Protein backbone atom coordinates (compact mmCIF):
# COMPACT_ATOMS: atom_id res chain seq x y z
CA MET A 1 -20.40 -0.89 22.82
CA PRO A 2 -21.72 2.65 23.31
CA GLU A 3 -23.30 4.22 20.25
CA ALA A 4 -21.07 6.59 18.31
CA ARG A 5 -21.86 10.25 18.94
CA ALA A 6 -23.47 11.96 15.98
CA LYS A 7 -21.26 14.59 14.37
CA THR A 8 -22.21 18.21 14.78
CA PRO A 9 -22.86 20.29 11.64
CA ARG A 10 -19.45 21.91 12.07
CA GLU A 11 -17.75 18.52 12.30
CA ARG A 12 -19.58 17.28 9.21
CA TYR A 13 -18.54 20.39 7.30
CA ARG A 14 -14.94 19.94 8.40
CA SER A 15 -14.97 16.30 7.24
CA GLN A 16 -16.41 17.33 3.88
CA VAL A 17 -13.77 20.01 3.35
CA ARG A 18 -10.96 17.64 4.30
CA ALA A 19 -12.32 15.07 1.86
CA GLU A 20 -12.42 17.70 -0.91
CA ILE A 21 -8.85 18.74 -0.13
CA LYS A 22 -7.75 15.12 -0.47
CA GLU A 23 -9.54 14.80 -3.81
CA HIS A 24 -7.62 17.82 -5.14
CA ALA A 25 -4.40 16.40 -3.70
CA TRP A 26 -4.89 13.16 -5.65
CA GLU A 27 -5.43 15.22 -8.81
CA GLN A 28 -2.13 17.02 -8.20
CA ILE A 29 -0.34 13.75 -7.53
CA ALA A 30 -1.69 12.28 -10.76
CA THR A 31 -0.43 15.30 -12.69
CA ALA A 32 2.95 16.05 -11.11
CA GLY A 33 3.69 13.49 -8.39
CA ALA A 34 3.50 13.67 -4.61
CA SER A 35 6.72 15.68 -4.29
CA ALA A 36 5.00 18.59 -6.10
CA LEU A 37 1.99 18.62 -3.77
CA SER A 38 1.07 22.23 -2.90
CA LEU A 39 -1.50 23.21 -0.31
CA ASN A 40 -1.54 26.76 -1.65
CA ALA A 41 -2.43 25.47 -5.13
CA ILE A 42 -5.22 23.36 -3.65
CA ALA A 43 -6.52 26.37 -1.71
CA LYS A 44 -6.62 28.38 -4.94
CA ARG A 45 -8.57 25.62 -6.71
CA MET A 46 -11.08 25.61 -3.86
CA GLY A 47 -11.44 29.38 -3.69
CA MET A 48 -9.85 29.53 -0.27
CA SER A 49 -6.91 31.42 1.14
CA GLY A 50 -3.79 29.49 2.08
CA PRO A 51 -4.20 30.22 5.81
CA ALA A 52 -7.82 29.01 5.66
CA LEU A 53 -6.80 25.67 4.19
CA TYR A 54 -4.11 25.25 6.84
CA ARG A 55 -6.89 25.06 9.41
CA TYR A 56 -7.73 21.64 7.93
CA PHE A 57 -4.20 20.32 7.35
CA ALA A 58 -1.26 21.82 9.20
CA GLY A 59 1.12 21.27 6.29
CA ARG A 60 2.10 19.18 3.29
CA ASP A 61 3.38 16.29 5.37
CA GLU A 62 0.15 16.01 7.36
CA LEU A 63 -1.82 15.85 4.09
CA ILE A 64 0.55 13.24 2.62
CA THR A 65 0.25 11.22 5.83
CA GLU A 66 -3.53 11.23 5.53
CA LEU A 67 -3.33 10.03 1.92
CA VAL A 68 -0.75 7.35 2.75
CA ARG A 69 -2.78 6.21 5.74
CA ASP A 70 -5.90 5.91 3.58
CA ALA A 71 -3.98 3.95 0.94
CA TYR A 72 -2.44 1.46 3.36
CA ARG A 73 -5.72 1.04 5.22
CA SER A 74 -7.45 0.29 1.91
CA LEU A 75 -4.88 -2.39 1.03
CA ALA A 76 -4.91 -3.87 4.55
CA ASP A 77 -8.72 -4.08 4.42
CA THR A 78 -8.51 -5.69 0.97
CA PHE A 79 -6.10 -8.33 2.26
CA ARG A 80 -8.15 -8.95 5.38
CA ALA A 81 -11.32 -9.45 3.36
CA ALA A 82 -9.49 -11.84 1.02
CA SER A 83 -8.03 -13.79 3.96
CA GLU A 84 -11.42 -14.03 5.70
CA ALA A 85 -12.85 -15.40 2.45
CA GLY A 86 -10.23 -18.16 2.52
CA ALA A 87 -7.79 -16.75 -0.03
CA ASP A 88 -4.55 -18.65 -0.52
CA LEU A 89 -1.31 -17.05 -1.76
CA ALA A 90 -2.74 -16.78 -5.28
CA GLY A 91 -5.87 -15.14 -3.89
CA LEU A 92 -3.82 -12.50 -2.08
CA ALA A 93 -1.77 -11.91 -5.23
CA HIS A 94 -4.86 -11.34 -7.35
CA ALA A 95 -6.32 -9.06 -4.67
CA LEU A 96 -3.09 -7.04 -4.71
CA ARG A 97 -3.12 -6.68 -8.50
CA ALA A 98 -6.79 -5.68 -8.60
CA TRP A 99 -6.16 -3.09 -5.88
CA ALA A 100 -3.16 -1.66 -7.75
CA LEU A 101 -4.89 -1.49 -11.12
CA ASP A 102 -7.95 0.14 -9.57
CA ASP A 103 -5.92 3.26 -8.63
CA PRO A 104 -2.32 3.41 -9.89
CA GLN A 105 -1.62 6.78 -8.22
CA ARG A 106 -2.60 5.37 -4.85
CA TYR A 107 -0.30 2.42 -5.52
CA PHE A 108 2.66 4.62 -6.46
CA LEU A 109 2.18 6.88 -3.44
CA VAL A 110 2.99 3.99 -1.09
CA PHE A 111 5.16 1.75 -3.30
CA GLY A 112 6.77 4.23 -5.67
CA THR A 113 9.66 6.67 -5.21
CA PRO A 114 9.66 8.06 -1.64
CA VAL A 115 8.66 11.70 -1.26
CA PRO A 116 11.85 13.69 -0.45
CA GLY A 117 11.96 14.77 3.17
CA TYR A 118 8.85 12.85 4.19
CA ARG A 119 8.75 10.15 6.87
CA ALA A 120 5.55 8.31 7.70
CA PRO A 121 4.55 8.20 11.39
CA ASP A 122 4.54 4.94 13.34
CA ASP A 123 0.81 4.34 13.06
CA VAL A 124 1.09 4.27 9.25
CA THR A 125 3.94 1.78 9.49
CA GLU A 126 1.75 -0.41 11.72
CA ILE A 127 -1.04 -0.42 9.12
CA ALA A 128 1.46 -1.33 6.41
CA ALA A 129 2.66 -4.20 8.60
CA GLU A 130 -0.86 -5.67 8.54
CA THR A 131 -0.47 -6.42 4.83
CA MET A 132 2.81 -8.24 5.37
CA ALA A 133 1.29 -10.18 8.29
CA ALA A 134 -1.44 -11.47 5.96
CA ILE A 135 1.21 -12.67 3.51
CA LEU A 136 3.27 -14.26 6.29
CA ASP A 137 0.20 -16.09 7.62
CA THR A 138 -0.45 -17.55 4.18
CA CYS A 139 3.18 -18.46 3.50
CA ALA A 140 3.59 -20.08 6.92
CA ALA A 141 0.63 -22.37 6.15
CA LEU A 142 2.27 -23.69 2.96
CA PRO A 143 4.40 -26.86 3.02
CA SER A 144 8.04 -26.48 2.11
CA ASP A 145 10.39 -29.40 1.59
CA ARG A 146 13.20 -27.58 -0.18
CA PRO A 147 16.64 -27.45 1.46
CA ALA A 148 17.49 -24.36 3.44
CA THR A 149 19.27 -21.66 1.46
CA PRO A 150 21.96 -19.23 2.64
CA PHE A 151 19.32 -16.50 2.60
CA ASP A 152 17.06 -18.61 4.86
CA THR A 153 19.89 -18.74 7.37
CA HIS A 154 20.50 -15.01 7.03
CA ILE A 155 16.85 -14.01 7.35
CA GLU A 156 16.43 -15.99 10.57
CA GLY A 157 18.72 -13.45 12.24
CA HIS A 158 17.26 -10.44 10.43
CA ARG A 159 13.52 -10.78 10.89
CA GLN A 160 12.68 -7.52 12.63
CA TRP A 161 10.57 -6.50 9.63
CA ALA A 162 8.25 -9.45 10.38
CA GLY A 163 7.46 -8.17 13.89
CA ALA A 164 6.44 -10.89 16.33
CA HIS A 165 5.32 -13.28 13.59
CA ALA A 166 6.55 -16.83 14.23
CA ALA A 167 6.90 -17.80 10.56
CA PRO A 168 9.88 -20.12 9.91
CA PRO A 169 12.75 -18.89 7.73
CA ALA A 170 11.43 -20.60 4.57
CA ALA A 171 8.11 -18.76 4.99
CA LEU A 172 9.90 -15.46 5.57
CA HIS A 173 11.86 -16.04 2.38
CA ARG A 174 8.74 -16.89 0.39
CA ALA A 175 6.90 -13.83 1.74
CA LEU A 176 9.75 -11.53 0.72
CA ALA A 177 9.92 -13.14 -2.71
CA PHE A 178 6.16 -12.69 -3.10
CA TRP A 179 6.41 -9.03 -2.10
CA THR A 180 9.42 -8.10 -4.22
CA ARG A 181 8.75 -10.09 -7.40
CA LEU A 182 5.06 -9.29 -7.70
CA HIS A 183 5.61 -5.63 -6.89
CA GLY A 184 8.34 -5.60 -9.50
CA VAL A 185 5.91 -6.73 -12.20
CA LEU A 186 3.17 -4.39 -10.99
CA SER A 187 5.44 -1.35 -10.79
CA LEU A 188 6.76 -1.87 -14.31
CA GLU A 189 3.28 -2.51 -15.69
CA LEU A 190 1.68 0.52 -14.06
CA ALA A 191 4.57 2.76 -15.12
CA GLY A 192 4.01 1.71 -18.72
CA HIS A 193 7.33 -0.06 -19.22
CA PHE A 194 5.67 -3.05 -20.87
CA THR A 195 3.91 -0.89 -23.45
CA GLY A 196 4.90 -1.97 -26.94
CA MET A 197 6.49 -5.24 -25.78
CA ALA A 198 3.56 -7.26 -27.18
CA PHE A 199 2.92 -9.55 -24.20
CA ASP A 200 0.19 -9.68 -21.59
CA PRO A 201 1.45 -8.41 -18.19
CA ALA A 202 -1.31 -10.38 -16.47
CA LEU A 203 0.21 -13.61 -17.78
CA LEU A 204 3.69 -12.57 -16.62
CA TYR A 205 2.24 -11.82 -13.18
CA ALA A 206 0.53 -15.23 -13.14
CA ALA A 207 3.77 -16.96 -14.20
CA GLU A 208 5.69 -15.30 -11.38
CA LEU A 209 2.98 -16.35 -8.95
CA ASP A 210 3.07 -19.96 -10.20
CA ASP A 211 6.83 -20.03 -9.66
CA LEU A 212 6.49 -18.62 -6.16
CA SER A 213 3.79 -21.12 -5.26
CA ALA A 214 5.84 -24.07 -6.50
CA HIS A 215 8.71 -23.58 -4.06
């Protein structure tokens, strides 16, 4: 492979400014949510004019896309590293929880309430699909001797979300159950809904995982 071209000073400066803009964007998201993201407010914090900042990001949606892309790439890389290390379904689940707890705002940006009027581009959707592919690979490798359910029959004809993955219906069902049930626990935990309920959310998460692994 040819060596990567070294960045020019101007390119390095541009990368640094874009990174600083994203840092301020995460601060805004943590305070008021992604729907309140304001490039003009970020420009003010950075001592820049609005038009100057728009030379780095053309608008709010482009900035959100960059943040969403970074978040999904981080999770996809986390899953890939876990898979390459031989992680089973439990290993992926623990990797997911650690990733979510490490940065709840990043988690909520991609798995929380959608930003009104925003639609992620196709390349972001493709990165997100990498995480589901890792789950499907793991579920397809698990034995399953339970009888087919009505949902198994249904999902066989509605598997577009799985792309070209050849997982059988039982594996598709297990992957969806993994995704929905574990995200349900994580979302409630990170939003603080378990506060004051006097139980350990980690144990609830583990119990859900044990149930998923047993079927």
